[in-house]
Amino acid sequence: MLCSRAVMPALALMLALGAVASATAQTMPAIKPGLWNVQMDREVDGQKAPDPTDRMKNMKPEMRARMEAMMKERGVSMGGGGINKLCLSRETIERGTWKEEQEGCKTEFSDRNAKHWKWHSVCSEMNVVSDGEASFPDSENYTVVTSSTMKAGGKDRVTRMTMNARWAGDSCGDLKPIQPRK
C-alpha cells in the first residue's frame, strides 16, 4: 500500500499533464521548451497530503530506485518539498505528445484557448472523475488546479491539487522530455 500511496501523486501529476496537453496545436499555450520546476500542493479528503518524496524515502531502496527511474524515463524527476522537474521539448509541446495516454479516460474541454483551459475528465477503469483549469499567463509560467474524486473500497476520496510551474531553462540535463506511455 505504501507504494501505491507514493505513486498516486506522480500519477495525479501525469493525469493533470495529460488533460492539459491533449489540446490541438491551435490552442497550445506559448510555453517554452526546456526544464520546468513544478511546485505541487495536494489535499486529500480535506487534509494536506504529505510530500510524495517523504513517502518514497520509506520504500525499500530498490523499489524507490525503480520508481525514480520510471518517472525519469517519462520526463519527471521527483524532488523534495513538493517540487518536481519536468522536461518539455519543442516537439512534445507542439505535437501534444507530452500527454499521458490513459485507456478508458475521456476528457471534454469547456474552455480552451492559448491563455486558459477548463476540462472535465472521466477515467472509468480507474474510477476517477476530475475537473481542472489551467492558466498560461506567459511563456515561463503556468498553473494547473484539479479536483478529482476516486472511488476506492466503496468510498469517495477527493484530491485537490495545485501545480505552479516555472520555466527553469533551456537545458534538461540528463532528464528526457515527457513521453507518453507506450
N, C-alpha and C. Protein backbone atom coordinates (compact mmCIF):
# COMPACT_ATOMS: atom_id res chain seq x y z
N MET A 1 0.81 -1.20 0.00
CA MET A 1 0.00 0.00 0.00
C MET A 1 0.86 1.26 0.00
N LEU A 2 2.03 1.20 0.66
CA LEU A 2 2.93 2.34 0.67
C LEU A 2 3.32 2.72 -0.74
N CYS A 3 3.60 1.73 -1.56
CA CYS A 3 3.99 2.00 -2.94
C CYS A 3 2.88 2.76 -3.66
N SER A 4 1.65 2.29 -3.52
CA SER A 4 0.56 2.94 -4.25
C SER A 4 0.32 4.35 -3.73
N ARG A 5 0.50 4.60 -2.44
CA ARG A 5 0.34 5.95 -1.92
C ARG A 5 1.43 6.87 -2.42
N ALA A 6 2.63 6.36 -2.56
CA ALA A 6 3.72 7.17 -3.08
C ALA A 6 3.56 7.41 -4.57
N VAL A 7 2.97 6.47 -5.27
CA VAL A 7 2.80 6.58 -6.71
C VAL A 7 1.67 7.53 -7.06
N MET A 8 0.64 7.63 -6.24
CA MET A 8 -0.54 8.43 -6.57
C MET A 8 -0.21 9.88 -6.93
N PRO A 9 0.66 10.59 -6.18
CA PRO A 9 0.94 11.97 -6.59
C PRO A 9 1.58 12.03 -7.98
N ALA A 10 2.46 11.11 -8.28
CA ALA A 10 3.09 11.09 -9.60
C ALA A 10 2.05 10.81 -10.67
N LEU A 11 1.15 9.86 -10.40
CA LEU A 11 0.09 9.57 -11.37
C LEU A 11 -0.85 10.76 -11.52
N ALA A 12 -1.15 11.41 -10.41
CA ALA A 12 -2.01 12.59 -10.48
C ALA A 12 -1.36 13.68 -11.32
N LEU A 13 -0.06 13.86 -11.14
CA LEU A 13 0.66 14.83 -11.93
C LEU A 13 0.59 14.49 -13.41
N MET A 14 0.79 13.22 -13.75
CA MET A 14 0.77 12.80 -15.14
C MET A 14 -0.65 12.94 -15.72
N LEU A 15 -1.68 12.61 -14.95
CA LEU A 15 -3.05 12.78 -15.43
C LEU A 15 -3.37 14.24 -15.68
N ALA A 16 -2.94 15.11 -14.77
CA ALA A 16 -3.18 16.54 -14.97
C ALA A 16 -2.47 17.04 -16.21
N LEU A 17 -1.22 16.61 -16.39
CA LEU A 17 -0.50 17.00 -17.60
C LEU A 17 -1.18 16.44 -18.83
N GLY A 18 -1.72 15.24 -18.72
CA GLY A 18 -2.41 14.64 -19.85
C GLY A 18 -3.61 15.46 -20.26
N ALA A 19 -4.38 15.91 -19.30
CA ALA A 19 -5.54 16.72 -19.63
C ALA A 19 -5.11 18.05 -20.22
N VAL A 20 -4.07 18.66 -19.65
CA VAL A 20 -3.59 19.93 -20.15
C VAL A 20 -3.05 19.78 -21.56
N ALA A 21 -2.39 18.67 -21.82
CA ALA A 21 -1.67 18.52 -23.09
C ALA A 21 -2.50 17.95 -24.21
N SER A 22 -3.72 17.56 -23.96
CA SER A 22 -4.47 16.88 -25.00
C SER A 22 -5.13 17.84 -26.00
N ALA A 23 -4.77 19.08 -25.96
CA ALA A 23 -5.33 20.07 -26.88
C ALA A 23 -4.67 20.00 -28.25
N THR A 24 -5.34 20.57 -29.23
CA THR A 24 -4.77 20.62 -30.57
C THR A 24 -3.74 21.74 -30.66
N ALA A 25 -2.95 21.74 -31.73
CA ALA A 25 -1.88 22.72 -31.90
C ALA A 25 -2.42 24.15 -31.88
N GLN A 26 -3.65 24.37 -32.36
CA GLN A 26 -4.17 25.74 -32.41
C GLN A 26 -4.39 26.33 -31.02
N THR A 27 -4.56 25.51 -30.01
CA THR A 27 -4.81 26.02 -28.67
C THR A 27 -3.66 25.75 -27.72
N MET A 28 -2.53 25.35 -28.25
CA MET A 28 -1.38 25.11 -27.38
C MET A 28 -0.90 26.44 -26.82
N PRO A 29 -0.57 26.45 -25.53
CA PRO A 29 -0.05 27.68 -24.95
C PRO A 29 1.37 27.95 -25.48
N ALA A 30 1.76 29.19 -25.46
CA ALA A 30 3.09 29.57 -25.95
C ALA A 30 4.10 29.44 -24.81
N ILE A 31 4.26 28.22 -24.31
CA ILE A 31 5.23 27.99 -23.25
C ILE A 31 6.55 27.54 -23.86
N LYS A 32 7.62 27.79 -23.14
CA LYS A 32 8.96 27.49 -23.64
C LYS A 32 9.31 26.02 -23.42
N PRO A 33 10.06 25.44 -24.34
CA PRO A 33 10.59 24.11 -24.10
C PRO A 33 11.75 24.20 -23.11
N GLY A 34 12.05 23.08 -22.49
CA GLY A 34 13.17 23.03 -21.56
C GLY A 34 12.76 22.45 -20.23
N LEU A 35 13.50 22.81 -19.20
CA LEU A 35 13.28 22.30 -17.86
C LEU A 35 12.30 23.18 -17.12
N TRP A 36 11.34 22.54 -16.47
CA TRP A 36 10.32 23.24 -15.70
C TRP A 36 10.36 22.75 -14.26
N ASN A 37 10.29 23.69 -13.31
CA ASN A 37 10.12 23.36 -11.89
C ASN A 37 8.64 23.47 -11.59
N VAL A 38 8.08 22.42 -11.03
CA VAL A 38 6.65 22.39 -10.74
C VAL A 38 6.45 22.19 -9.24
N GLN A 39 5.90 23.21 -8.59
CA GLN A 39 5.55 23.13 -7.18
C GLN A 39 4.16 22.53 -7.09
N MET A 40 4.03 21.42 -6.38
CA MET A 40 2.75 20.72 -6.30
C MET A 40 2.29 20.68 -4.86
N ASP A 41 1.07 21.14 -4.65
CA ASP A 41 0.43 21.05 -3.33
C ASP A 41 -0.82 20.20 -3.48
N ARG A 42 -0.98 19.22 -2.58
CA ARG A 42 -2.13 18.33 -2.65
C ARG A 42 -2.85 18.28 -1.31
N GLU A 43 -4.15 18.08 -1.46
CA GLU A 43 -5.02 17.90 -0.30
C GLU A 43 -5.89 16.68 -0.60
N VAL A 44 -5.95 15.74 0.34
CA VAL A 44 -6.76 14.54 0.17
C VAL A 44 -7.81 14.52 1.27
N ASP A 45 -9.06 14.45 0.86
CA ASP A 45 -10.18 14.43 1.80
C ASP A 45 -10.09 15.58 2.81
N GLY A 46 -9.72 16.77 2.31
CA GLY A 46 -9.69 17.96 3.14
C GLY A 46 -8.45 18.15 3.97
N GLN A 47 -7.48 17.24 3.89
CA GLN A 47 -6.26 17.37 4.68
C GLN A 47 -5.05 17.45 3.78
N LYS A 48 -4.11 18.32 4.16
CA LYS A 48 -2.88 18.47 3.37
C LYS A 48 -2.19 17.11 3.27
N ALA A 49 -1.86 16.75 2.04
CA ALA A 49 -1.19 15.47 1.80
C ALA A 49 0.32 15.64 2.02
N PRO A 50 0.95 14.61 2.54
CA PRO A 50 2.40 14.69 2.73
C PRO A 50 3.12 14.73 1.38
N ASP A 51 4.33 15.25 1.42
CA ASP A 51 5.16 15.31 0.23
C ASP A 51 5.43 13.88 -0.25
N PRO A 52 5.23 13.59 -1.55
CA PRO A 52 5.43 12.23 -2.04
C PRO A 52 6.86 11.72 -1.86
N THR A 53 7.84 12.62 -1.89
CA THR A 53 9.21 12.14 -1.71
C THR A 53 9.44 11.65 -0.29
N ASP A 54 8.70 12.19 0.69
CA ASP A 54 8.81 11.67 2.06
C ASP A 54 8.35 10.23 2.11
N ARG A 55 7.27 9.91 1.40
CA ARG A 55 6.79 8.52 1.35
C ARG A 55 7.79 7.63 0.63
N MET A 56 8.40 8.17 -0.41
CA MET A 56 9.36 7.37 -1.16
C MET A 56 10.59 7.05 -0.32
N LYS A 57 10.95 7.92 0.61
CA LYS A 57 12.10 7.67 1.49
C LYS A 57 11.91 6.41 2.31
N ASN A 58 10.64 6.06 2.59
CA ASN A 58 10.34 4.88 3.39
C ASN A 58 10.27 3.59 2.58
N MET A 59 10.39 3.69 1.27
CA MET A 59 10.37 2.49 0.42
C MET A 59 11.71 1.76 0.53
N LYS A 60 11.67 0.51 0.18
CA LYS A 60 12.92 -0.24 0.08
C LYS A 60 13.75 0.44 -1.00
N PRO A 61 15.07 0.51 -0.84
CA PRO A 61 15.91 1.23 -1.80
C PRO A 61 15.73 0.78 -3.25
N GLU A 62 15.59 -0.51 -3.48
CA GLU A 62 15.44 -0.98 -4.86
C GLU A 62 14.08 -0.56 -5.44
N MET A 63 13.03 -0.53 -4.62
CA MET A 63 11.71 -0.10 -5.09
C MET A 63 11.72 1.41 -5.40
N ARG A 64 12.35 2.18 -4.50
CA ARG A 64 12.45 3.62 -4.70
C ARG A 64 13.25 3.91 -5.98
N ALA A 65 14.34 3.18 -6.19
CA ALA A 65 15.16 3.38 -7.40
C ALA A 65 14.36 3.08 -8.66
N ARG A 66 13.55 2.02 -8.62
CA ARG A 66 12.70 1.69 -9.78
C ARG A 66 11.68 2.78 -10.05
N MET A 67 11.06 3.28 -9.00
CA MET A 67 10.06 4.34 -9.13
C MET A 67 10.70 5.60 -9.70
N GLU A 68 11.85 6.00 -9.17
CA GLU A 68 12.53 7.20 -9.65
C GLU A 68 12.96 7.03 -11.11
N ALA A 69 13.45 5.84 -11.46
CA ALA A 69 13.87 5.57 -12.84
C ALA A 69 12.67 5.61 -13.79
N MET A 70 11.53 5.03 -13.37
CA MET A 70 10.33 5.04 -14.20
C MET A 70 9.87 6.48 -14.46
N MET A 71 9.84 7.30 -13.42
CA MET A 71 9.40 8.68 -13.58
C MET A 71 10.40 9.46 -14.43
N LYS A 72 11.69 9.25 -14.22
CA LYS A 72 12.71 9.95 -15.00
C LYS A 72 12.61 9.57 -16.47
N GLU A 73 12.35 8.29 -16.75
CA GLU A 73 12.19 7.83 -18.13
C GLU A 73 11.02 8.54 -18.80
N ARG A 74 10.03 8.91 -18.03
CA ARG A 74 8.84 9.61 -18.56
C ARG A 74 8.99 11.12 -18.52
N GLY A 75 10.16 11.61 -18.09
CA GLY A 75 10.41 13.05 -18.13
C GLY A 75 10.11 13.78 -16.85
N VAL A 76 9.99 13.07 -15.73
CA VAL A 76 9.67 13.68 -14.45
C VAL A 76 10.72 13.27 -13.42
N SER A 77 11.27 14.26 -12.74
CA SER A 77 12.19 13.99 -11.64
C SER A 77 11.52 14.50 -10.37
N MET A 78 11.23 13.60 -9.45
CA MET A 78 10.54 13.98 -8.22
C MET A 78 11.56 14.55 -7.25
N GLY A 79 11.26 15.74 -6.75
CA GLY A 79 12.16 16.39 -5.82
C GLY A 79 11.50 16.62 -4.48
N GLY A 80 12.25 17.10 -3.54
CA GLY A 80 11.74 17.35 -2.21
C GLY A 80 10.93 18.63 -2.13
N GLY A 81 10.16 18.77 -1.07
CA GLY A 81 9.37 19.97 -0.85
C GLY A 81 8.25 20.16 -1.84
N GLY A 82 7.82 19.07 -2.50
CA GLY A 82 6.72 19.17 -3.45
C GLY A 82 7.12 19.73 -4.80
N ILE A 83 8.44 19.91 -5.04
CA ILE A 83 8.90 20.45 -6.32
C ILE A 83 9.41 19.32 -7.19
N ASN A 84 8.83 19.21 -8.38
CA ASN A 84 9.26 18.23 -9.36
C ASN A 84 9.87 18.96 -10.54
N LYS A 85 10.69 18.25 -11.28
CA LYS A 85 11.27 18.80 -12.50
C LYS A 85 10.68 18.05 -13.68
N LEU A 86 10.26 18.80 -14.71
CA LEU A 86 9.71 18.23 -15.93
C LEU A 86 10.52 18.74 -17.10
N CYS A 87 10.70 17.89 -18.12
CA CYS A 87 11.37 18.31 -19.32
C CYS A 87 10.38 18.29 -20.48
N LEU A 88 10.24 19.42 -21.15
CA LEU A 88 9.35 19.53 -22.30
C LEU A 88 10.18 19.97 -23.51
N SER A 89 10.19 19.16 -24.56
CA SER A 89 10.87 19.56 -25.79
C SER A 89 9.91 20.37 -26.66
N ARG A 90 10.44 21.10 -27.63
CA ARG A 90 9.60 21.86 -28.56
C ARG A 90 8.65 20.90 -29.27
N GLU A 91 9.18 19.76 -29.70
CA GLU A 91 8.36 18.78 -30.42
C GLU A 91 7.22 18.26 -29.55
N THR A 92 7.51 17.94 -28.30
CA THR A 92 6.44 17.40 -27.45
C THR A 92 5.38 18.46 -27.16
N ILE A 93 5.78 19.72 -27.04
CA ILE A 93 4.80 20.79 -26.83
C ILE A 93 3.93 20.96 -28.07
N GLU A 94 4.56 21.07 -29.23
CA GLU A 94 3.82 21.31 -30.47
C GLU A 94 2.92 20.14 -30.87
N ARG A 95 3.39 18.94 -30.66
CA ARG A 95 2.60 17.76 -31.04
C ARG A 95 1.60 17.36 -29.97
N GLY A 96 1.75 17.90 -28.78
CA GLY A 96 0.87 17.47 -27.70
C GLY A 96 1.23 16.09 -27.19
N THR A 97 2.44 15.60 -27.54
CA THR A 97 2.81 14.25 -27.12
C THR A 97 3.35 14.20 -25.70
N TRP A 98 3.31 15.32 -24.98
CA TRP A 98 3.69 15.29 -23.58
C TRP A 98 2.54 14.80 -22.72
N LYS A 99 1.42 14.47 -23.34
CA LYS A 99 0.28 13.95 -22.58
C LYS A 99 0.52 12.50 -22.21
N GLU A 100 -0.08 12.09 -21.16
CA GLU A 100 -0.03 10.71 -20.70
C GLU A 100 -1.28 10.02 -21.21
N GLU A 101 -1.12 9.11 -22.13
CA GLU A 101 -2.27 8.38 -22.68
C GLU A 101 -2.82 7.44 -21.61
N GLN A 102 -4.09 7.51 -21.36
CA GLN A 102 -4.74 6.63 -20.39
C GLN A 102 -5.93 5.97 -21.05
N GLU A 103 -5.89 4.65 -21.11
CA GLU A 103 -7.04 3.93 -21.66
C GLU A 103 -8.22 4.10 -20.72
N GLY A 104 -9.39 4.19 -21.31
CA GLY A 104 -10.60 4.30 -20.51
C GLY A 104 -10.88 5.69 -19.98
N CYS A 105 -10.11 6.70 -20.44
CA CYS A 105 -10.32 8.08 -19.99
C CYS A 105 -10.86 8.93 -21.14
N LYS A 106 -11.77 9.82 -20.78
CA LYS A 106 -12.33 10.75 -21.77
C LYS A 106 -12.31 12.15 -21.15
N THR A 107 -11.78 13.10 -21.92
CA THR A 107 -11.69 14.48 -21.46
C THR A 107 -12.46 15.38 -22.41
N GLU A 108 -13.30 16.24 -21.83
CA GLU A 108 -14.04 17.23 -22.60
C GLU A 108 -13.67 18.61 -22.08
N PHE A 109 -13.34 19.51 -23.02
CA PHE A 109 -12.98 20.87 -22.68
C PHE A 109 -14.20 21.78 -22.83
N SER A 110 -14.43 22.64 -21.83
CA SER A 110 -15.48 23.65 -21.95
C SER A 110 -14.88 25.00 -22.31
N ASP A 111 -13.58 25.14 -22.14
CA ASP A 111 -12.88 26.37 -22.50
C ASP A 111 -11.46 25.97 -22.87
N ARG A 112 -10.99 26.46 -24.02
CA ARG A 112 -9.63 26.10 -24.43
C ARG A 112 -9.11 27.14 -25.39
N ASN A 113 -8.24 28.00 -24.87
CA ASN A 113 -7.57 28.98 -25.72
C ASN A 113 -6.12 29.07 -25.27
N ALA A 114 -5.35 29.94 -25.84
CA ALA A 114 -3.91 30.00 -25.55
C ALA A 114 -3.60 30.43 -24.12
N LYS A 115 -4.54 31.02 -23.41
CA LYS A 115 -4.30 31.51 -22.05
C LYS A 115 -5.02 30.74 -20.95
N HIS A 116 -6.07 30.00 -21.28
CA HIS A 116 -6.88 29.35 -20.24
C HIS A 116 -7.56 28.11 -20.79
N TRP A 117 -7.51 27.04 -20.01
CA TRP A 117 -8.23 25.80 -20.36
C TRP A 117 -9.05 25.36 -19.17
N LYS A 118 -10.20 24.77 -19.46
CA LYS A 118 -11.06 24.20 -18.42
C LYS A 118 -11.59 22.89 -18.96
N TRP A 119 -11.55 21.82 -18.16
CA TRP A 119 -11.95 20.50 -18.65
C TRP A 119 -12.60 19.64 -17.57
N HIS A 120 -13.22 18.57 -18.04
CA HIS A 120 -13.83 17.54 -17.19
C HIS A 120 -13.36 16.20 -17.75
N SER A 121 -12.81 15.34 -16.90
CA SER A 121 -12.30 14.03 -17.32
C SER A 121 -12.96 12.92 -16.53
N VAL A 122 -13.23 11.82 -17.22
CA VAL A 122 -13.75 10.62 -16.58
C VAL A 122 -12.85 9.47 -17.01
N CYS A 123 -12.28 8.78 -16.02
CA CYS A 123 -11.45 7.61 -16.28
C CYS A 123 -12.16 6.42 -15.65
N SER A 124 -12.91 5.71 -16.47
CA SER A 124 -13.78 4.65 -15.96
C SER A 124 -12.99 3.48 -15.37
N GLU A 125 -11.87 3.12 -15.97
CA GLU A 125 -11.12 1.97 -15.47
C GLU A 125 -10.50 2.23 -14.10
N MET A 126 -10.17 3.50 -13.83
CA MET A 126 -9.57 3.85 -12.55
C MET A 126 -10.59 4.45 -11.59
N ASN A 127 -11.86 4.56 -12.02
CA ASN A 127 -12.92 5.15 -11.19
C ASN A 127 -12.56 6.55 -10.71
N VAL A 128 -12.08 7.39 -11.64
CA VAL A 128 -11.68 8.75 -11.30
C VAL A 128 -12.45 9.75 -12.17
N VAL A 129 -13.01 10.77 -11.53
CA VAL A 129 -13.66 11.88 -12.21
C VAL A 129 -12.92 13.14 -11.78
N SER A 130 -12.48 13.95 -12.76
CA SER A 130 -11.69 15.14 -12.46
C SER A 130 -12.22 16.37 -13.19
N ASP A 131 -12.05 17.50 -12.54
CA ASP A 131 -12.29 18.79 -13.15
C ASP A 131 -11.02 19.60 -12.97
N GLY A 132 -10.66 20.35 -14.00
CA GLY A 132 -9.43 21.11 -13.91
C GLY A 132 -9.45 22.38 -14.70
N GLU A 133 -8.54 23.26 -14.32
CA GLU A 133 -8.33 24.52 -15.03
C GLU A 133 -6.84 24.76 -15.10
N ALA A 134 -6.41 25.28 -16.23
CA ALA A 134 -5.01 25.66 -16.42
C ALA A 134 -4.97 27.10 -16.91
N SER A 135 -4.03 27.86 -16.38
CA SER A 135 -3.82 29.24 -16.79
C SER A 135 -2.38 29.39 -17.27
N PHE A 136 -2.21 30.06 -18.39
CA PHE A 136 -0.90 30.27 -19.01
C PHE A 136 -0.69 31.79 -19.15
N PRO A 137 -0.25 32.47 -18.09
CA PRO A 137 -0.13 33.93 -18.15
C PRO A 137 0.99 34.41 -19.07
N ASP A 138 2.05 33.59 -19.21
CA ASP A 138 3.15 33.95 -20.08
C ASP A 138 3.92 32.69 -20.46
N SER A 139 5.00 32.84 -21.21
CA SER A 139 5.73 31.68 -21.73
C SER A 139 6.57 30.95 -20.69
N GLU A 140 6.71 31.54 -19.49
CA GLU A 140 7.57 30.93 -18.46
C GLU A 140 6.82 30.52 -17.20
N ASN A 141 5.49 30.56 -17.24
CA ASN A 141 4.71 30.19 -16.06
C ASN A 141 3.38 29.58 -16.48
N TYR A 142 2.94 28.59 -15.72
CA TYR A 142 1.57 28.13 -15.86
C TYR A 142 1.12 27.52 -14.54
N THR A 143 -0.18 27.50 -14.35
CA THR A 143 -0.79 26.95 -13.14
C THR A 143 -1.88 25.98 -13.55
N VAL A 144 -1.92 24.84 -12.87
CA VAL A 144 -2.97 23.84 -13.08
C VAL A 144 -3.62 23.56 -11.73
N VAL A 145 -4.95 23.62 -11.69
CA VAL A 145 -5.70 23.30 -10.48
C VAL A 145 -6.69 22.19 -10.85
N THR A 146 -6.64 21.08 -10.10
CA THR A 146 -7.56 19.97 -10.36
C THR A 146 -8.25 19.54 -9.08
N SER A 147 -9.43 18.99 -9.27
CA SER A 147 -10.17 18.34 -8.20
C SER A 147 -10.63 17.00 -8.74
N SER A 148 -10.22 15.93 -8.07
CA SER A 148 -10.52 14.57 -8.55
C SER A 148 -11.21 13.77 -7.46
N THR A 149 -12.17 12.98 -7.88
CA THR A 149 -12.84 12.06 -6.97
C THR A 149 -12.56 10.65 -7.46
N MET A 150 -12.03 9.83 -6.56
CA MET A 150 -11.71 8.45 -6.89
C MET A 150 -12.52 7.54 -5.97
N LYS A 151 -13.18 6.58 -6.57
CA LYS A 151 -13.92 5.60 -5.78
C LYS A 151 -12.97 4.45 -5.46
N ALA A 152 -12.78 4.20 -4.17
CA ALA A 152 -11.90 3.13 -3.73
C ALA A 152 -12.52 2.48 -2.51
N GLY A 153 -12.74 1.18 -2.58
CA GLY A 153 -13.32 0.46 -1.45
C GLY A 153 -14.69 0.97 -1.07
N GLY A 154 -15.47 1.41 -2.05
CA GLY A 154 -16.82 1.89 -1.79
C GLY A 154 -16.88 3.30 -1.24
N LYS A 155 -15.74 3.95 -1.09
CA LYS A 155 -15.70 5.32 -0.57
C LYS A 155 -15.16 6.26 -1.62
N ASP A 156 -15.63 7.50 -1.57
CA ASP A 156 -15.08 8.54 -2.43
C ASP A 156 -13.90 9.19 -1.73
N ARG A 157 -12.80 9.35 -2.46
CA ARG A 157 -11.64 10.09 -1.98
C ARG A 157 -11.49 11.30 -2.88
N VAL A 158 -11.47 12.48 -2.29
CA VAL A 158 -11.37 13.71 -3.07
C VAL A 158 -9.95 14.27 -2.93
N THR A 159 -9.32 14.48 -4.07
CA THR A 159 -7.97 15.03 -4.10
C THR A 159 -8.02 16.36 -4.84
N ARG A 160 -7.50 17.38 -4.20
CA ARG A 160 -7.36 18.69 -4.84
C ARG A 160 -5.86 18.94 -4.99
N MET A 161 -5.49 19.38 -6.18
CA MET A 161 -4.07 19.59 -6.44
C MET A 161 -3.88 20.92 -7.16
N THR A 162 -2.85 21.64 -6.75
CA THR A 162 -2.46 22.87 -7.43
C THR A 162 -1.00 22.71 -7.84
N MET A 163 -0.74 22.95 -9.12
CA MET A 163 0.63 22.90 -9.63
C MET A 163 0.98 24.28 -10.18
N ASN A 164 2.06 24.84 -9.68
CA ASN A 164 2.57 26.10 -10.20
C ASN A 164 3.90 25.79 -10.88
N ALA A 165 3.94 26.00 -12.19
CA ALA A 165 5.12 25.66 -12.97
C ALA A 165 5.86 26.92 -13.38
N ARG A 166 7.17 26.85 -13.25
CA ARG A 166 8.04 27.96 -13.64
C ARG A 166 9.17 27.39 -14.50
N TRP A 167 9.38 28.01 -15.63
CA TRP A 167 10.44 27.60 -16.54
C TRP A 167 11.79 27.81 -15.88
N ALA A 168 12.67 26.78 -15.94
CA ALA A 168 13.97 26.84 -15.28
C ALA A 168 15.13 27.05 -16.25
N GLY A 169 14.90 26.78 -17.54
CA GLY A 169 15.97 26.98 -18.51
C GLY A 169 15.84 26.07 -19.72
N ASP A 170 16.68 26.33 -20.71
CA ASP A 170 16.65 25.57 -21.96
C ASP A 170 17.06 24.12 -21.80
N SER A 171 18.04 23.86 -20.96
CA SER A 171 18.62 22.52 -20.86
C SER A 171 17.93 21.68 -19.80
N CYS A 172 17.61 20.45 -20.19
CA CYS A 172 17.02 19.49 -19.24
C CYS A 172 18.09 18.59 -18.63
N GLY A 173 19.34 18.78 -19.00
CA GLY A 173 20.40 17.92 -18.48
C GLY A 173 20.16 16.49 -18.93
N ASP A 174 20.20 15.56 -18.00
CA ASP A 174 20.00 14.15 -18.35
C ASP A 174 18.54 13.71 -18.27
N LEU A 175 17.64 14.65 -18.02
CA LEU A 175 16.21 14.32 -17.95
C LEU A 175 15.62 14.35 -19.35
N LYS A 176 15.01 13.25 -19.76
CA LYS A 176 14.41 13.16 -21.08
C LYS A 176 13.10 13.95 -21.13
N PRO A 177 12.68 14.40 -22.32
CA PRO A 177 11.38 15.06 -22.44
C PRO A 177 10.24 14.11 -22.06
N ILE A 178 9.19 14.69 -21.52
CA ILE A 178 7.99 13.90 -21.17
C ILE A 178 7.57 13.08 -22.37
N GLN A 179 7.31 11.82 -22.13
CA GLN A 179 6.90 10.91 -23.18
C GLN A 179 5.63 10.18 -22.74
N PRO A 180 4.71 9.94 -23.66
CA PRO A 180 3.54 9.15 -23.29
C PRO A 180 3.94 7.70 -23.06
N ARG A 181 3.14 7.01 -22.25
CA ARG A 181 3.40 5.58 -22.04
C ARG A 181 3.14 4.85 -23.33
N LYS A 182 3.90 3.82 -23.55
CA LYS A 182 3.73 3.01 -24.74
C LYS A 182 2.81 1.86 -24.46
